[in-house]
Amino acid sequence: MEENYASDEVLGDVRISDEVVANIAVIAAGEIEGVSYVVGSGKPNEFKNIVGIKNHTKDLRIEVCEKIVSVDMAIVVKYGFSLPTVGKAVQERVRSSIENMTGLEVSDVNVRIAGVDLK
């Protein structure tokens, strides 16, 4: 688990682990209407009602270099929602949540629609 500097103040350093950044991304994505869940977030995998998922090994990846964050995530969208609209909303929410909570800069949020939840 890597830790990243958010501040080099006179009192010392504040380090934020990649796991914390990942948790922020998962929670932020889950707040978007139409998102069933984030693949790789530890949710139970009940794939019998999911259409389109072929590879379950691709999951959430966070890369932090210096103070720049890159996010790769896969989501399952509830049936009936616009896939591009949900994907864009996830990108925007994840970026703003990470930047507001950590002070780190988000360079990109890559969202892959891994499936559609028919429930």
PDB file of N, CA and C in Angstrom:
ATOM      1  N   MET A   1       0.856  -1.169   0.000  1.00  0.00           N
ATOM      2  CA  MET A   1       0.000   0.000   0.000  1.00  0.00           C
ATOM      3  C   MET A   1       0.896   1.225   0.000  1.00  0.00           C
ATOM      4  N   GLU A   2       0.760   2.032  -1.000  1.00  0.00           N
ATOM      5  CA  GLU A   2       1.568   3.241  -1.104  1.00  0.00           C
ATOM      6  C   GLU A   2       0.896   4.376  -0.364  1.00  0.00           C
ATOM      7  N   GLU A   3       1.720   5.297   0.083  1.00  0.00           N
ATOM      8  CA  GLU A   3       1.192   6.497   0.706  1.00  0.00           C
ATOM      9  C   GLU A   3       1.709   7.690  -0.065  1.00  0.00           C
ATOM     10  N   ASN A   4       0.868   8.676  -0.209  1.00  0.00           N
ATOM     11  CA  ASN A   4       1.188   9.832  -1.034  1.00  0.00           C
ATOM     12  C   ASN A   4       1.097  11.096  -0.214  1.00  0.00           C
ATOM     13  N   TYR A   5       1.967  12.016  -0.540  1.00  0.00           N
ATOM     14  CA  TYR A   5       2.004  13.280   0.170  1.00  0.00           C
ATOM     15  C   TYR A   5       0.906  14.197  -0.326  1.00  0.00           C
ATOM     16  N   ALA A   6       0.160  14.755   0.597  1.00  0.00           N
ATOM     17  CA  ALA A   6      -0.831  15.761   0.240  1.00  0.00           C
ATOM     18  C   ALA A   6      -0.353  17.128   0.693  1.00  0.00           C
ATOM     19  N   SER A   7       0.607  17.140   1.612  1.00  0.00           N
ATOM     20  CA  SER A   7       1.065  18.412   2.154  1.00  0.00           C
ATOM     21  C   SER A   7       2.475  18.264   2.701  1.00  0.00           C
ATOM     22  N   ASP A   8       3.325  19.251   2.504  1.00  0.00           N
ATOM     23  CA  ASP A   8       4.647  19.254   3.127  1.00  0.00           C
ATOM     24  C   ASP A   8       4.752  20.466   4.054  1.00  0.00           C
ATOM     25  N   GLU A   9       3.845  20.601   4.936  1.00  0.00           N
ATOM     26  CA  GLU A   9       3.824  21.729   5.860  1.00  0.00           C
ATOM     27  C   GLU A   9       4.966  21.613   6.861  1.00  0.00           C
ATOM     28  N   VAL A  10       5.221  22.701   7.561  1.00  0.00           N
ATOM     29  CA  VAL A  10       6.297  22.776   8.539  1.00  0.00           C
ATOM     30  C   VAL A  10       6.119  21.745   9.648  1.00  0.00           C
ATOM     31  N   LEU A  11       4.887  21.419   9.998  1.00  0.00           N
ATOM     32  CA  LEU A  11       4.629  20.484  11.087  1.00  0.00           C
ATOM     33  C   LEU A  11       4.909  19.039  10.712  1.00  0.00           C
ATOM     34  N   GLY A  12       5.038  18.738   9.461  1.00  0.00           N
ATOM     35  CA  GLY A  12       5.273  17.364   9.009  1.00  0.00           C
ATOM     36  C   GLY A  12       4.463  17.066   7.766  1.00  0.00           C
ATOM     37  N   ASP A  13       4.462  15.802   7.404  1.00  0.00           N
ATOM     38  CA  ASP A  13       3.789  15.379   6.184  1.00  0.00           C
ATOM     39  C   ASP A  13       2.443  14.743   6.492  1.00  0.00           C
ATOM     40  N   VAL A  14       1.520  14.914   5.576  1.00  0.00           N
ATOM     41  CA  VAL A  14       0.253  14.194   5.605  1.00  0.00           C
ATOM     42  C   VAL A  14       0.312  13.224   4.441  1.00  0.00           C
ATOM     43  N   ARG A  15       0.164  11.946   4.728  1.00  0.00           N
ATOM     44  CA  ARG A  15       0.233  10.931   3.679  1.00  0.00           C
ATOM     45  C   ARG A  15      -1.127  10.269   3.528  1.00  0.00           C
ATOM     46  N   ILE A  16      -1.535  10.078   2.286  1.00  0.00           N
ATOM     47  CA  ILE A  16      -2.824   9.469   1.981  1.00  0.00           C
ATOM     48  C   ILE A  16      -2.550   8.184   1.212  1.00  0.00           C
ATOM     49  N   SER A  17      -3.032   7.064   1.729  1.00  0.00           N
ATOM     50  CA  SER A  17      -2.765   5.787   1.069  1.00  0.00           C
ATOM     51  C   SER A  17      -3.593   5.647  -0.201  1.00  0.00           C
ATOM     52  N   ASP A  18      -3.084   4.847  -1.127  1.00  0.00           N
ATOM     53  CA  ASP A  18      -3.815   4.570  -2.363  1.00  0.00           C
ATOM     54  C   ASP A  18      -5.167   3.936  -2.054  1.00  0.00           C
ATOM     55  N   GLU A  19      -5.208   3.133  -1.004  1.00  0.00           N
ATOM     56  CA  GLU A  19      -6.462   2.473  -0.612  1.00  0.00           C
ATOM     57  C   GLU A  19      -7.527   3.500  -0.226  1.00  0.00           C
ATOM     58  N   VAL A  20      -7.129   4.558   0.442  1.00  0.00           N
ATOM     59  CA  VAL A  20      -8.074   5.615   0.807  1.00  0.00           C
ATOM     60  C   VAL A  20      -8.593   6.309  -0.449  1.00  0.00           C
ATOM     61  N   VAL A  21      -7.707   6.598  -1.382  1.00  0.00           N
ATOM     62  CA  VAL A  21      -8.122   7.224  -2.643  1.00  0.00           C
ATOM     63  C   VAL A  21      -9.088   6.298  -3.382  1.00  0.00           C
ATOM     64  N   ALA A  22      -8.805   4.993  -3.382  1.00  0.00           N
ATOM     65  CA  ALA A  22      -9.691   4.022  -4.027  1.00  0.00           C
ATOM     66  C   ALA A  22     -11.059   4.004  -3.360  1.00  0.00           C
ATOM     67  N   ASN A  23     -11.085   4.048  -2.035  1.00  0.00           N
ATOM     68  CA  ASN A  23     -12.364   4.062  -1.320  1.00  0.00           C
ATOM     69  C   ASN A  23     -13.178   5.306  -1.660  1.00  0.00           C
ATOM     70  N   ILE A  24     -12.520   6.435  -1.765  1.00  0.00           N
ATOM     71  CA  ILE A  24     -13.214   7.670  -2.154  1.00  0.00           C
ATOM     72  C   ILE A  24     -13.829   7.501  -3.541  1.00  0.00           C
ATOM     73  N   ALA A  25     -13.068   6.918  -4.469  1.00  0.00           N
ATOM     74  CA  ALA A  25     -13.562   6.713  -5.835  1.00  0.00           C
ATOM     75  C   ALA A  25     -14.779   5.797  -5.859  1.00  0.00           C
ATOM     76  N   VAL A  26     -14.737   4.712  -5.099  1.00  0.00           N
ATOM     77  CA  VAL A  26     -15.855   3.758  -5.061  1.00  0.00           C
ATOM     78  C   VAL A  26     -17.103   4.407  -4.478  1.00  0.00           C
ATOM     79  N   ILE A  27     -16.949   5.118  -3.376  1.00  0.00           N
ATOM     80  CA  ILE A  27     -18.099   5.774  -2.746  1.00  0.00           C
ATOM     81  C   ILE A  27     -18.680   6.832  -3.675  1.00  0.00           C
ATOM     82  N   ALA A  28     -17.814   7.627  -4.293  1.00  0.00           N
ATOM     83  CA  ALA A  28     -18.277   8.686  -5.201  1.00  0.00           C
ATOM     84  C   ALA A  28     -19.037   8.097  -6.384  1.00  0.00           C
ATOM     85  N   ALA A  29     -18.513   7.029  -6.972  1.00  0.00           N
ATOM     86  CA  ALA A  29     -19.188   6.395  -8.111  1.00  0.00           C
ATOM     87  C   ALA A  29     -20.540   5.828  -7.694  1.00  0.00           C
ATOM     88  N   GLY A  30     -20.594   5.255  -6.504  1.00  0.00           N
ATOM     89  CA  GLY A  30     -21.838   4.668  -6.009  1.00  0.00           C
ATOM     90  C   GLY A  30     -22.931   5.681  -5.735  1.00  0.00           C
ATOM     91  N   GLU A  31     -22.561   6.946  -5.601  1.00  0.00           N
ATOM     92  CA  GLU A  31     -23.546   8.003  -5.358  1.00  0.00           C
ATOM     93  C   GLU A  31     -24.288   8.412  -6.632  1.00  0.00           C
ATOM     94  N   ILE A  32     -23.813   7.967  -7.780  1.00  0.00           N
ATOM     95  CA  ILE A  32     -24.418   8.361  -9.056  1.00  0.00           C
ATOM     96  C   ILE A  32     -25.630   7.490  -9.347  1.00  0.00           C
ATOM     97  N   GLU A  33     -26.740   8.137  -9.667  1.00  0.00           N
ATOM     98  CA  GLU A  33     -27.949   7.405 -10.014  1.00  0.00           C
ATOM     99  C   GLU A  33     -27.693   6.581 -11.270  1.00  0.00           C
ATOM    100  N   GLY A  34     -28.036   5.314 -11.205  1.00  0.00           N
ATOM    101  CA  GLY A  34     -27.838   4.417 -12.334  1.00  0.00           C
ATOM    102  C   GLY A  34     -26.676   3.459 -12.150  1.00  0.00           C
ATOM    103  N   VAL A  35     -25.784   3.740 -11.199  1.00  0.00           N
ATOM    104  CA  VAL A  35     -24.669   2.830 -10.941  1.00  0.00           C
ATOM    105  C   VAL A  35     -25.156   1.725 -10.016  1.00  0.00           C
ATOM    106  N   SER A  36     -25.020   0.478 -10.468  1.00  0.00           N
ATOM    107  CA  SER A  36     -25.377  -0.658  -9.629  1.00  0.00           C
ATOM    108  C   SER A  36     -24.246  -0.927  -8.634  1.00  0.00           C
ATOM    109  N   TYR A  37     -23.020  -1.039  -9.151  1.00  0.00           N
ATOM    110  CA  TYR A  37     -21.848  -1.165  -8.290  1.00  0.00           C
ATOM    111  C   TYR A  37     -20.572  -0.992  -9.097  1.00  0.00           C
ATOM    112  N   VAL A  38     -19.477  -0.821  -8.374  1.00  0.00           N
ATOM    113  CA  VAL A  38     -18.147  -0.713  -8.973  1.00  0.00           C
ATOM    114  C   VAL A  38     -17.518  -2.102  -8.949  1.00  0.00           C
ATOM    115  N   VAL A  39     -17.091  -2.587 -10.106  1.00  0.00           N
ATOM    116  CA  VAL A  39     -16.449  -3.894 -10.192  1.00  0.00           C
ATOM    117  C   VAL A  39     -15.141  -3.841  -9.413  1.00  0.00           C
ATOM    118  N   GLY A  40     -14.915  -4.856  -8.575  1.00  0.00           N
ATOM    119  CA  GLY A  40     -13.696  -4.916  -7.786  1.00  0.00           C
ATOM    120  C   GLY A  40     -13.780  -4.182  -6.467  1.00  0.00           C
ATOM    121  N   SER A  41     -14.979  -3.717  -6.104  1.00  0.00           N
ATOM    122  CA  SER A  41     -15.126  -2.955  -4.863  1.00  0.00           C
ATOM    123  C   SER A  41     -15.473  -3.839  -3.675  1.00  0.00           C
ATOM    124  N   GLY A  42     -15.514  -5.148  -3.884  1.00  0.00           N
ATOM    125  CA  GLY A  42     -15.819  -6.048  -2.791  1.00  0.00           C
ATOM    126  C   GLY A  42     -17.293  -6.368  -2.660  1.00  0.00           C
ATOM    127  N   LYS A  43     -18.121  -5.862  -3.558  1.00  0.00           N
ATOM    128  CA  LYS A  43     -19.546  -6.184  -3.531  1.00  0.00           C
ATOM    129  C   LYS A  43     -19.721  -7.645  -3.935  1.00  0.00           C
ATOM    130  N   PRO A  44     -20.780  -8.289  -3.451  1.00  0.00           N
ATOM    131  CA  PRO A  44     -21.032  -9.673  -3.868  1.00  0.00           C
ATOM    132  C   PRO A  44     -21.222  -9.748  -5.381  1.00  0.00           C
ATOM    133  N   ASN A  45     -20.610 -10.727  -5.987  1.00  0.00           N
ATOM    134  CA  ASN A  45     -20.704 -10.879  -7.440  1.00  0.00           C
ATOM    135  C   ASN A  45     -21.823 -11.843  -7.805  1.00  0.00           C
ATOM    136  N   GLU A  46     -22.992 -11.304  -8.016  1.00  0.00           N
ATOM    137  CA  GLU A  46     -24.124 -12.098  -8.469  1.00  0.00           C
ATOM    138  C   GLU A  46     -24.310 -11.795  -9.945  1.00  0.00           C
ATOM    139  N   PHE A  47     -23.591 -12.527 -10.787  1.00  0.00           N
ATOM    140  CA  PHE A  47     -23.544 -12.195 -12.206  1.00  0.00           C
ATOM    141  C   PHE A  47     -24.692 -12.775 -13.014  1.00  0.00           C
ATOM    142  N   LYS A  48     -25.594 -13.527 -12.384  1.00  0.00           N
ATOM    143  CA  LYS A  48     -26.668 -14.130 -13.170  1.00  0.00           C
ATOM    144  C   LYS A  48     -27.580 -13.082 -13.789  1.00  0.00           C
ATOM    145  N   ASN A  49     -27.682 -11.896 -13.194  1.00  0.00           N
ATOM    146  CA  ASN A  49     -28.539 -10.839 -13.723  1.00  0.00           C
ATOM    147  C   ASN A  49     -27.763  -9.741 -14.436  1.00  0.00           C
ATOM    148  N   ILE A  50     -26.483  -9.964 -14.670  1.00  0.00           N
ATOM    149  CA  ILE A  50     -25.644  -8.955 -15.308  1.00  0.00           C
ATOM    150  C   ILE A  50     -25.370  -9.367 -16.752  1.00  0.00           C
ATOM    151  N   VAL A  51     -25.604  -8.454 -17.671  1.00  0.00           N
ATOM    152  CA  VAL A  51     -25.358  -8.712 -19.080  1.00  0.00           C
ATOM    153  C   VAL A  51     -24.090  -7.976 -19.496  1.00  0.00           C
ATOM    154  N   GLY A  52     -23.187  -8.663 -20.157  1.00  0.00           N
ATOM    155  CA  GLY A  52     -22.035  -8.001 -20.748  1.00  0.00           C
ATOM    156  C   GLY A  52     -20.723  -8.234 -20.037  1.00  0.00           C
ATOM    157  N   ILE A  53     -20.732  -8.722 -18.818  1.00  0.00           N
ATOM    158  CA  ILE A  53     -19.470  -8.926 -18.115  1.00  0.00           C
ATOM    159  C   ILE A  53     -18.814 -10.203 -18.621  1.00  0.00           C
ATOM    160  N   LYS A  54     -17.601 -10.077 -19.122  1.00  0.00           N
ATOM    161  CA  LYS A  54     -16.863 -11.236 -19.607  1.00  0.00           C
ATOM    162  C   LYS A  54     -15.615 -11.480 -18.773  1.00  0.00           C
ATOM    163  N   ASN A  55     -14.946 -10.421 -18.368  1.00  0.00           N
ATOM    164  CA  ASN A  55     -13.698 -10.545 -17.636  1.00  0.00           C
ATOM    165  C   ASN A  55     -13.870  -9.893 -16.272  1.00  0.00           C
ATOM    166  N   HIS A  56     -13.909 -10.727 -15.232  1.00  0.00           N
ATOM    167  CA  HIS A  56     -14.131 -10.211 -13.886  1.00  0.00           C
ATOM    168  C   HIS A  56     -12.836  -9.774 -13.210  1.00  0.00           C
ATOM    169  N   THR A  57     -11.695  -9.954 -13.871  1.00  0.00           N
ATOM    170  CA  THR A  57     -10.421  -9.638 -13.233  1.00  0.00           C
ATOM    171  C   THR A  57     -10.037  -8.174 -13.361  1.00  0.00           C
ATOM    172  N   LYS A  58     -10.627  -7.459 -14.311  1.00  0.00           N
ATOM    173  CA  LYS A  58     -10.325  -6.031 -14.437  1.00  0.00           C
ATOM    174  C   LYS A  58     -11.133  -5.294 -13.380  1.00  0.00           C
ATOM    175  N   ASP A  59     -10.446  -4.607 -12.516  1.00  0.00           N
ATOM    176  CA  ASP A  59     -11.179  -3.906 -11.470  1.00  0.00           C
ATOM    177  C   ASP A  59     -10.608  -2.516 -11.249  1.00  0.00           C
ATOM    178  N   LEU A  60     -10.829  -1.997 -10.101  1.00  0.00           N
ATOM    179  CA  LEU A  60     -10.426  -0.642  -9.762  1.00  0.00           C
ATOM    180  C   LEU A  60      -8.907  -0.529  -9.639  1.00  0.00           C
ATOM    181  N   ARG A  61      -8.327   0.458 -10.332  1.00  0.00           N
ATOM    182  CA  ARG A  61      -6.893   0.726 -10.234  1.00  0.00           C
ATOM    183  C   ARG A  61      -6.679   2.214  -9.996  1.00  0.00           C
ATOM    184  N   ILE A  62      -5.869   2.491  -8.998  1.00  0.00           N
ATOM    185  CA  ILE A  62      -5.509   3.864  -8.659  1.00  0.00           C
ATOM    186  C   ILE A  62      -4.002   3.980  -8.800  1.00  0.00           C
ATOM    187  N   GLU A  63      -3.554   4.987  -9.521  1.00  0.00           N
ATOM    188  CA  GLU A  63      -2.121   5.237  -9.647  1.00  0.00           C
ATOM    189  C   GLU A  63      -1.861   6.672  -9.217  1.00  0.00           C
ATOM    190  N   VAL A  64      -0.970   6.819  -8.255  1.00  0.00           N
ATOM    191  CA  VAL A  64      -0.618   8.155  -7.782  1.00  0.00           C
ATOM    192  C   VAL A  64       0.876   8.350  -7.984  1.00  0.00           C
ATOM    193  N   CYS A  65       1.220   9.392  -8.728  1.00  0.00           N
ATOM    194  CA  CYS A  65       2.614   9.738  -8.969  1.00  0.00           C
ATOM    195  C   CYS A  65       2.779  11.191  -8.542  1.00  0.00           C
ATOM    196  N   GLU A  66       3.643  11.394  -7.542  1.00  0.00           N
ATOM    197  CA  GLU A  66       3.769  12.722  -6.940  1.00  0.00           C
ATOM    198  C   GLU A  66       2.407  13.091  -6.354  1.00  0.00           C
ATOM    199  N   LYS A  67       1.784  14.144  -6.860  1.00  0.00           N
ATOM    200  CA  LYS A  67       0.467  14.557  -6.356  1.00  0.00           C
ATOM    201  C   LYS A  67      -0.602  14.448  -7.442  1.00  0.00           C
ATOM    202  N   ILE A  68      -0.350  13.587  -8.436  1.00  0.00           N
ATOM    203  CA  ILE A  68      -1.265  13.413  -9.564  1.00  0.00           C
ATOM    204  C   ILE A  68      -1.873  12.009  -9.497  1.00  0.00           C
ATOM    205  N   VAL A  69      -3.201  11.933  -9.589  1.00  0.00           N
ATOM    206  CA  VAL A  69      -3.928  10.665  -9.483  1.00  0.00           C
ATOM    207  C   VAL A  69      -4.523  10.286 -10.838  1.00  0.00           C
ATOM    208  N   SER A  70      -4.407   9.010 -11.171  1.00  0.00           N
ATOM    209  CA  SER A  70      -5.069   8.442 -12.344  1.00  0.00           C
ATOM    210  C   SER A  70      -5.953   7.298 -11.858  1.00  0.00           C
ATOM    211  N   VAL A  71      -7.198   7.278 -12.312  1.00  0.00           N
ATOM    212  CA  VAL A  71      -8.164   6.277 -11.868  1.00  0.00           C
ATOM    213  C   VAL A  71      -8.653   5.477 -13.074  1.00  0.00           C
ATOM    214  N   ASP A  72      -8.631   4.156 -12.940  1.00  0.00           N
ATOM    215  CA  ASP A  72      -9.249   3.245 -13.908  1.00  0.00           C
ATOM    216  C   ASP A  72     -10.263   2.426 -13.129  1.00  0.00           C
ATOM    217  N   MET A  73     -11.516   2.468 -13.566  1.00  0.00           N
ATOM    218  CA  MET A  73     -12.534   1.711 -12.851  1.00  0.00           C
ATOM    219  C   MET A  73     -13.560   1.144 -13.813  1.00  0.00           C
ATOM    220  N   ALA A  74     -14.187   0.064 -13.382  1.00  0.00           N
ATOM    221  CA  ALA A  74     -15.254  -0.553 -14.163  1.00  0.00           C
ATOM    222  C   ALA A  74     -16.515  -0.525 -13.311  1.00  0.00           C
ATOM    223  N   ILE A  75     -17.630  -0.195 -13.947  1.00  0.00           N
ATOM    224  CA  ILE A  75     -18.900  -0.136 -13.234  1.00  0.00           C
ATOM    225  C   ILE A  75     -19.940  -0.987 -13.947  1.00  0.00           C
ATOM    226  N   VAL A  76     -20.946  -1.375 -13.181  1.00  0.00           N
ATOM    227  CA  VAL A  76     -22.127  -2.022 -13.736  1.00  0.00           C
ATOM    228  C   VAL A  76     -23.262  -1.023 -13.591  1.00  0.00           C
ATOM    229  N   VAL A  77     -23.975  -0.784 -14.690  1.00  0.00           N
ATOM    230  CA  VAL A  77     -25.040   0.220 -14.727  1.00  0.00           C
ATOM    231  C   VAL A  77     -26.395  -0.481 -14.684  1.00  0.00           C
ATOM    232  N   LYS A  78     -27.322   0.108 -13.950  1.00  0.00           N
ATOM    233  CA  LYS A  78     -28.678  -0.431 -13.878  1.00  0.00           C
ATOM    234  C   LYS A  78     -29.358  -0.314 -15.238  1.00  0.00           C
ATOM    235  N   TYR A  79     -30.150  -1.320 -15.567  1.00  0.00           N
ATOM    236  CA  TYR A  79     -30.873  -1.340 -16.833  1.00  0.00           C
ATOM    237  C   TYR A  79     -31.782  -0.117 -16.948  1.00  0.00           C
ATOM    238  N   GLY A  80     -31.815   0.481 -18.128  1.00  0.00           N
ATOM    239  CA  GLY A  80     -32.693   1.610 -18.394  1.00  0.00           C
ATOM    240  C   GLY A  80     -32.010   2.962 -18.329  1.00  0.00           C
ATOM    241  N   PHE A  81     -30.794   3.005 -17.832  1.00  0.00           N
ATOM    242  CA  PHE A  81     -30.056   4.266 -17.740  1.00  0.00           C
ATOM    243  C   PHE A  81     -29.147   4.430 -18.956  1.00  0.00           C
ATOM    244  N   SER A  82     -28.905   5.662 -19.345  1.00  0.00           N
ATOM    245  CA  SER A  82     -28.002   5.967 -20.456  1.00  0.00           C
ATOM    246  C   SER A  82     -26.564   5.681 -20.027  1.00  0.00           C
ATOM    247  N   LEU A  83     -25.924   4.754 -20.714  1.00  0.00           N
ATOM    248  CA  LEU A  83     -24.559   4.368 -20.347  1.00  0.00           C
ATOM    249  C   LEU A  83     -23.574   5.529 -20.451  1.00  0.00           C
ATOM    250  N   PRO A  84     -23.569   6.298 -21.554  1.00  0.00           N
ATOM    251  CA  PRO A  84     -22.632   7.433 -21.628  1.00  0.00           C
ATOM    252  C   PRO A  84     -22.891   8.492 -20.555  1.00  0.00           C
ATOM    253  N   THR A  85     -24.160   8.746 -20.256  1.00  0.00           N
ATOM    254  CA  THR A  85     -24.498   9.759 -19.250  1.00  0.00           C
ATOM    255  C   THR A  85     -24.026   9.332 -17.868  1.00  0.00           C
ATOM    256  N   VAL A  86     -24.269   8.073 -17.515  1.00  0.00           N
ATOM    257  CA  VAL A  86     -23.830   7.562 -16.214  1.00  0.00           C
ATOM    258  C   VAL A  86     -22.305   7.567 -16.139  1.00  0.00           C
ATOM    259  N   GLY A  87     -21.644   7.123 -17.205  1.00  0.00           N
ATOM    260  CA  GLY A  87     -20.179   7.103 -17.213  1.00  0.00           C
ATOM    261  C   GLY A  87     -19.574   8.481 -17.010  1.00  0.00           C
ATOM    262  N   LYS A  88     -20.112   9.484 -17.698  1.00  0.00           N
ATOM    263  CA  LYS A  88     -19.621  10.863 -17.569  1.00  0.00           C
ATOM    264  C   LYS A  88     -19.860  11.400 -16.161  1.00  0.00           C
ATOM    265  N   ALA A  89     -21.038  11.104 -15.603  1.00  0.00           N
ATOM    266  CA  ALA A  89     -21.347  11.559 -14.242  1.00  0.00           C
ATOM    267  C   ALA A  89     -20.393  10.932 -13.229  1.00  0.00           C
ATOM    268  N   VAL A  90     -20.053   9.662 -13.426  1.00  0.00           N
ATOM    269  CA  VAL A  90     -19.092   8.989 -12.543  1.00  0.00           C
ATOM    270  C   VAL A  90     -17.731   9.671 -12.651  1.00  0.00           C
ATOM    271  N   GLN A  91     -17.281   9.962 -13.867  1.00  0.00           N
ATOM    272  CA  GLN A  91     -15.991  10.635 -14.048  1.00  0.00           C
ATOM    273  C   GLN A  91     -15.945  11.955 -13.283  1.00  0.00           C
ATOM    274  N   GLU A  92     -16.982  12.748 -13.436  1.00  0.00           N
ATOM    275  CA  GLU A  92     -17.012  14.067 -12.793  1.00  0.00           C
ATOM    276  C   GLU A  92     -17.062  13.953 -11.273  1.00  0.00           C
ATOM    277  N   ARG A  93     -17.902  13.047 -10.748  1.00  0.00           N
ATOM    278  CA  ARG A  93     -18.029  12.904  -9.292  1.00  0.00           C
ATOM    279  C   ARG A  93     -16.759  12.350  -8.675  1.00  0.00           C
ATOM    280  N   VAL A  94     -16.153  11.358  -9.306  1.00  0.00           N
ATOM    281  CA  VAL A  94     -14.921  10.775  -8.770  1.00  0.00           C
ATOM    282  C   VAL A  94     -13.815  11.826  -8.742  1.00  0.00           C
ATOM    283  N   ARG A  95     -13.661  12.566  -9.828  1.00  0.00           N
ATOM    284  CA  ARG A  95     -12.628  13.607  -9.877  1.00  0.00           C
ATOM    285  C   ARG A  95     -12.839  14.644  -8.763  1.00  0.00           C
ATOM    286  N   SER A  96     -14.040  15.181  -8.660  1.00  0.00           N
ATOM    287  CA  SER A  96     -14.269  16.240  -7.667  1.00  0.00           C
ATOM    288  C   SER A  96     -14.128  15.713  -6.243  1.00  0.00           C
ATOM    289  N   SER A  97     -14.581  14.500  -5.987  1.00  0.00           N
ATOM    290  CA  SER A  97     -14.478  13.942  -4.634  1.00  0.00           C
ATOM    291  C   SER A  97     -13.028  13.735  -4.221  1.00  0.00           C
ATOM    292  N   ILE A  98     -12.229  13.149  -5.103  1.00  0.00           N
ATOM    293  CA  ILE A  98     -10.818  12.921  -4.771  1.00  0.00           C
ATOM    294  C   ILE A  98     -10.091  14.248  -4.579  1.00  0.00           C
ATOM    295  N   GLU A  99     -10.299  15.191  -5.490  1.00  0.00           N
ATOM    296  CA  GLU A  99      -9.604  16.476  -5.378  1.00  0.00           C
ATOM    297  C   GLU A  99     -10.031  17.235  -4.127  1.00  0.00           C
ATOM    298  N   ASN A 100     -11.325  17.257  -3.820  1.00  0.00           N
ATOM    299  CA  ASN A 100     -11.809  17.996  -2.652  1.00  0.00           C
ATOM    300  C   ASN A 100     -11.373  17.363  -1.337  1.00  0.00           C
ATOM    301  N   MET A 101     -11.344  16.040  -1.282  1.00  0.00           N
ATOM    302  CA  MET A 101     -11.034  15.368  -0.022  1.00  0.00           C
ATOM    303  C   MET A 101      -9.542  15.198   0.236  1.00  0.00           C
ATOM    304  N   THR A 102      -8.738  15.130  -0.825  1.00  0.00           N
ATOM    305  CA  THR A 102      -7.313  14.838  -0.631  1.00  0.00           C
ATOM    306  C   THR A 102      -6.379  15.985  -0.975  1.00  0.00           C
ATOM    307  N   GLY A 103      -6.831  16.913  -1.802  1.00  0.00           N
ATOM    308  CA  GLY A 103      -5.944  17.967  -2.273  1.00  0.00           C
ATOM    309  C   GLY A 103      -5.044  17.514  -3.407  1.00  0.00           C
ATOM    310  N   LEU A 104      -5.178  16.247  -3.825  1.00  0.00           N
ATOM    311  CA  LEU A 104      -4.411  15.737  -4.954  1.00  0.00           C
ATOM    312  C   LEU A 104      -5.102  16.146  -6.250  1.00  0.00           C
ATOM    313  N   GLU A 105      -4.350  16.209  -7.347  1.00  0.00           N
ATOM    314  CA  GLU A 105      -4.919  16.547  -8.650  1.00  0.00           C
ATOM    315  C   GLU A 105      -5.237  15.255  -9.401  1.00  0.00           C
ATOM    316  N   VAL A 106      -6.424  15.169  -9.975  1.00  0.00           N
ATOM    317  CA  VAL A 106      -6.817  13.996 -10.755  1.00  0.00           C
ATOM    318  C   VAL A 106      -6.589  14.299 -12.229  1.00  0.00           C
ATOM    319  N   SER A 107      -5.702  13.524 -12.858  1.00  0.00           N
ATOM    320  CA  SER A 107      -5.401  13.747 -14.274  1.00  0.00           C
ATOM    321  C   SER A 107      -6.440  13.102 -15.174  1.00  0.00           C
ATOM    322  N   ASP A 108      -6.919  11.917 -14.784  1.00  0.00           N
ATOM    323  CA  ASP A 108      -7.933  11.251 -15.589  1.00  0.00           C
ATOM    324  C   ASP A 108      -8.700  10.216 -14.772  1.00  0.00           C
ATOM    325  N   VAL A 109      -9.953  10.014 -15.172  1.00  0.00           N
ATOM    326  CA  VAL A 109     -10.811   8.980 -14.598  1.00  0.00           C
ATOM    327  C   VAL A 109     -11.346   8.186 -15.785  1.00  0.00           C
ATOM    328  N   ASN A 110     -10.805   7.001 -15.972  1.00  0.00           N
ATOM    329  CA  ASN A 110     -11.231   6.139 -17.069  1.00  0.00           C
ATOM    330  C   ASN A 110     -12.293   5.178 -16.552  1.00  0.00           C
ATOM    331  N   VAL A 111     -13.477   5.243 -17.140  1.00  0.00           N
ATOM    332  CA  VAL A 111     -14.597   4.411 -16.702  1.00  0.00           C
ATOM    333  C   VAL A 111     -14.939   3.425 -17.809  1.00  0.00           C
ATOM    334  N   ARG A 112     -14.961   2.147 -17.440  1.00  0.00           N
ATOM    335  CA  ARG A 112     -15.375   1.093 -18.370  1.00  0.00           C
ATOM    336  C   ARG A 112     -16.725   0.570 -17.900  1.00  0.00           C
ATOM    337  N   ILE A 113     -17.710   0.551 -18.794  1.00  0.00           N
ATOM    338  CA  ILE A 113     -19.008  -0.032 -18.465  1.00  0.00           C
ATOM    339  C   ILE A 113     -18.850  -1.535 -18.655  1.00  0.00           C
ATOM    340  N   ALA A 114     -18.812  -2.272 -17.539  1.00  0.00           N
ATOM    341  CA  ALA A 114     -18.534  -3.704 -17.579  1.00  0.00           C
ATOM    342  C   ALA A 114     -19.790  -4.541 -17.768  1.00  0.00           C
ATOM    343  N   GLY A 115     -20.941  -3.946 -17.519  1.00  0.00           N
ATOM    344  CA  GLY A 115     -22.164  -4.718 -17.661  1.00  0.00           C
ATOM    345  C   GLY A 115     -23.390  -3.897 -17.348  1.00  0.00           C
ATOM    346  N   VAL A 116     -24.538  -4.540 -17.547  1.00  0.00           N
ATOM    347  CA  VAL A 116     -25.830  -3.925 -17.262  1.00  0.00           C
ATOM    348  C   VAL A 116     -26.554  -4.832 -16.278  1.00  0.00           C
ATOM    349  N   ASP A 117     -27.005  -4.264 -15.175  1.00  0.00           N
ATOM    350  CA  ASP A 117     -27.716  -5.004 -14.134  1.00  0.00           C
ATOM    351  C   ASP A 117     -29.191  -5.065 -14.503  1.00  0.00           C
ATOM    352  N   LEU A 118     -29.703  -6.268 -14.717  1.00  0.00           N
ATOM    353  CA  LEU A 118     -31.089  -6.448 -15.139  1.00  0.00           C
ATOM    354  C   LEU A 118     -32.071  -6.494 -13.978  1.00  0.00           C
ATOM    355  N   LYS A 119     -31.582  -6.454 -12.747  1.00  0.00           N
ATOM    356  CA  LYS A 119     -32.480  -6.498 -11.580  1.00  0.00           C
ATOM    357  C   LYS A 119     -33.294  -5.250 -11.476  1.00  0.00           C
TER     358      LYS A 119
END
